[in-house]
Amino acid sequence: MKYTNYFKSTIKLNGVPKLNPDQFARLMNICCLETDVHTLEELNMNSQSIFLTIGRKKDKIEKLTKGRTPELLLLEMLKLSM
């Protein structure tokens, strides 16, 4: 949950970032997907469908973040919101 934790700490320190609706939705989607993955992994169930679901959610996170670090991602989102 590296993105979620980074966003949380950044918001605590600097307040809510000024994002346009598209970038805010992107941020929320990343946090939601990371939470889903974390929850499914915590279940420790050996189920093929859960493994596939986790993989799909991780792929979506990768697509939304483009493999960027949380710091670079937030900077990109702020720039796109201007």
C-alpha atoms as a PDB file:
ATOM      1  CA  MET A   1       0.000   0.000   0.000  1.00  0.00           C
ATOM      2  CA  LYS A   2       2.864   2.305  -0.838  1.00  0.00           C
ATOM      3  CA  TYR A   3       0.730   4.793  -2.773  1.00  0.00           C
ATOM      4  CA  THR A   4      -2.054   4.903  -0.200  1.00  0.00           C
ATOM      5  CA  ASN A   5       0.402   5.414   2.660  1.00  0.00           C
ATOM      6  CA  TYR A   6       2.289   8.113   0.756  1.00  0.00           C
ATOM      7  CA  PHE A   7      -0.906   9.969  -0.160  1.00  0.00           C
ATOM      8  CA  LYS A   8      -2.102   9.714   3.447  1.00  0.00           C
ATOM      9  CA  SER A   9       1.108  11.133   4.906  1.00  0.00           C
ATOM     10  CA  THR A  10       1.312  13.862   2.258  1.00  0.00           C
ATOM     11  CA  ILE A  11      -2.260  14.952   2.931  1.00  0.00           C
ATOM     12  CA  LYS A  12      -1.574  15.046   6.680  1.00  0.00           C
ATOM     13  CA  LEU A  13       1.496  17.243   6.137  1.00  0.00           C
ATOM     14  CA  ASN A  14       0.372  19.491   3.280  1.00  0.00           C
ATOM     15  CA  GLY A  15      -3.406  19.276   3.191  1.00  0.00           C
ATOM     16  CA  VAL A  16      -5.563  18.011   0.365  1.00  0.00           C
ATOM     17  CA  PRO A  17      -3.872  18.461  -3.036  1.00  0.00           C
ATOM     18  CA  LYS A  18      -5.628  20.573  -5.665  1.00  0.00           C
ATOM     19  CA  LEU A  19      -6.545  17.894  -8.209  1.00  0.00           C
ATOM     20  CA  ASN A  20      -9.032  18.094 -11.043  1.00  0.00           C
ATOM     21  CA  PRO A  21     -11.871  15.540 -10.978  1.00  0.00           C
ATOM     22  CA  ASP A  22     -10.057  13.091 -13.292  1.00  0.00           C
ATOM     23  CA  GLN A  23      -6.882  13.070 -11.212  1.00  0.00           C
ATOM     24  CA  PHE A  24      -8.837  12.873  -7.960  1.00  0.00           C
ATOM     25  CA  ALA A  25     -10.682   9.828  -9.325  1.00  0.00           C
ATOM     26  CA  ARG A  26      -7.328   8.329 -10.322  1.00  0.00           C
ATOM     27  CA  LEU A  27      -5.961   8.842  -6.798  1.00  0.00           C
ATOM     28  CA  MET A  28      -9.070   7.283  -5.244  1.00  0.00           C
ATOM     29  CA  ASN A  29      -8.980   4.322  -7.659  1.00  0.00           C
ATOM     30  CA  ILE A  30      -5.346   3.618  -6.774  1.00  0.00           C
ATOM     31  CA  CYS A  31      -6.118   3.725  -3.042  1.00  0.00           C
ATOM     32  CA  CYS A  32      -9.177   1.507  -3.456  1.00  0.00           C
ATOM     33  CA  LEU A  33      -7.323  -1.063  -5.556  1.00  0.00           C
ATOM     34  CA  GLU A  34      -4.414  -1.164  -3.116  1.00  0.00           C
ATOM     35  CA  THR A  35      -6.826  -1.716  -0.235  1.00  0.00           C
ATOM     36  CA  ASP A  36      -8.549  -4.518  -2.147  1.00  0.00           C
ATOM     37  CA  VAL A  37      -5.213  -6.233  -2.846  1.00  0.00           C
ATOM     38  CA  HIS A  38      -4.129  -5.857   0.771  1.00  0.00           C
ATOM     39  CA  THR A  39      -7.418  -7.294   2.052  1.00  0.00           C
ATOM     40  CA  LEU A  40      -7.318 -10.256  -0.323  1.00  0.00           C
ATOM     41  CA  GLU A  41      -3.699 -11.011   0.548  1.00  0.00           C
ATOM     42  CA  GLU A  42      -4.502 -10.860   4.267  1.00  0.00           C
ATOM     43  CA  LEU A  43      -7.074 -13.625   3.809  1.00  0.00           C
ATOM     44  CA  ASN A  44      -4.247 -16.079   3.052  1.00  0.00           C
ATOM     45  CA  MET A  45      -6.544 -18.241   0.974  1.00  0.00           C
ATOM     46  CA  ASN A  46      -5.100 -20.547  -1.665  1.00  0.00           C
ATOM     47  CA  SER A  47      -7.711 -20.004  -4.318  1.00  0.00           C
ATOM     48  CA  GLN A  48      -7.000 -19.647  -8.018  1.00  0.00           C
ATOM     49  CA  SER A  49      -9.775 -17.070  -8.400  1.00  0.00           C
ATOM     50  CA  ILE A  50      -8.329 -14.927  -5.591  1.00  0.00           C
ATOM     51  CA  PHE A  51      -4.856 -15.102  -7.148  1.00  0.00           C
ATOM     52  CA  LEU A  52      -6.314 -14.026 -10.495  1.00  0.00           C
ATOM     53  CA  THR A  53      -8.282 -11.201  -8.882  1.00  0.00           C
ATOM     54  CA  ILE A  54      -5.181  -9.952  -7.074  1.00  0.00           C
ATOM     55  CA  GLY A  55      -3.216 -10.096 -10.327  1.00  0.00           C
ATOM     56  CA  ARG A  56      -5.870  -8.124 -12.218  1.00  0.00           C
ATOM     57  CA  LYS A  57      -6.028  -5.481  -9.509  1.00  0.00           C
ATOM     58  CA  LYS A  58      -2.219  -5.166  -9.449  1.00  0.00           C
ATOM     59  CA  ASP A  59      -2.256  -4.767 -13.237  1.00  0.00           C
ATOM     60  CA  LYS A  60      -4.808  -1.951 -12.891  1.00  0.00           C
ATOM     61  CA  ILE A  61      -2.630  -0.256 -10.277  1.00  0.00           C
ATOM     62  CA  GLU A  62       0.358  -0.521 -12.619  1.00  0.00           C
ATOM     63  CA  LYS A  63      -1.673   0.976 -15.459  1.00  0.00           C
ATOM     64  CA  LEU A  64      -2.905   3.875 -13.304  1.00  0.00           C
ATOM     65  CA  THR A  65       0.523   4.623 -11.823  1.00  0.00           C
ATOM     66  CA  LYS A  66       2.547   3.890 -14.961  1.00  0.00           C
ATOM     67  CA  GLY A  67       5.170   2.369 -12.668  1.00  0.00           C
ATOM     68  CA  ARG A  68       6.057   5.733 -11.154  1.00  0.00           C
ATOM     69  CA  THR A  69       7.067   6.219  -7.545  1.00  0.00           C
ATOM     70  CA  PRO A  70       4.372   7.754  -5.331  1.00  0.00           C
ATOM     71  CA  GLU A  71       6.264  11.060  -5.252  1.00  0.00           C
ATOM     72  CA  LEU A  72       6.542  11.329  -9.040  1.00  0.00           C
ATOM     73  CA  LEU A  73       2.977  10.171  -9.512  1.00  0.00           C
ATOM     74  CA  LEU A  74       1.556  12.876  -7.251  1.00  0.00           C
ATOM     75  CA  LEU A  75       3.684  15.521  -8.983  1.00  0.00           C
ATOM     76  CA  GLU A  76       2.386  14.323 -12.356  1.00  0.00           C
ATOM     77  CA  MET A  77      -1.194  14.390 -11.114  1.00  0.00           C
ATOM     78  CA  LEU A  78      -0.753  17.935  -9.783  1.00  0.00           C
ATOM     79  CA  LYS A  79       0.778  19.048 -13.091  1.00  0.00           C
ATOM     80  CA  LEU A  80      -2.080  17.486 -15.073  1.00  0.00           C
ATOM     81  CA  SER A  81      -4.561  19.287 -12.820  1.00  0.00           C
ATOM     82  CA  MET A  82      -3.273  22.751 -13.715  1.00  0.00           C
END
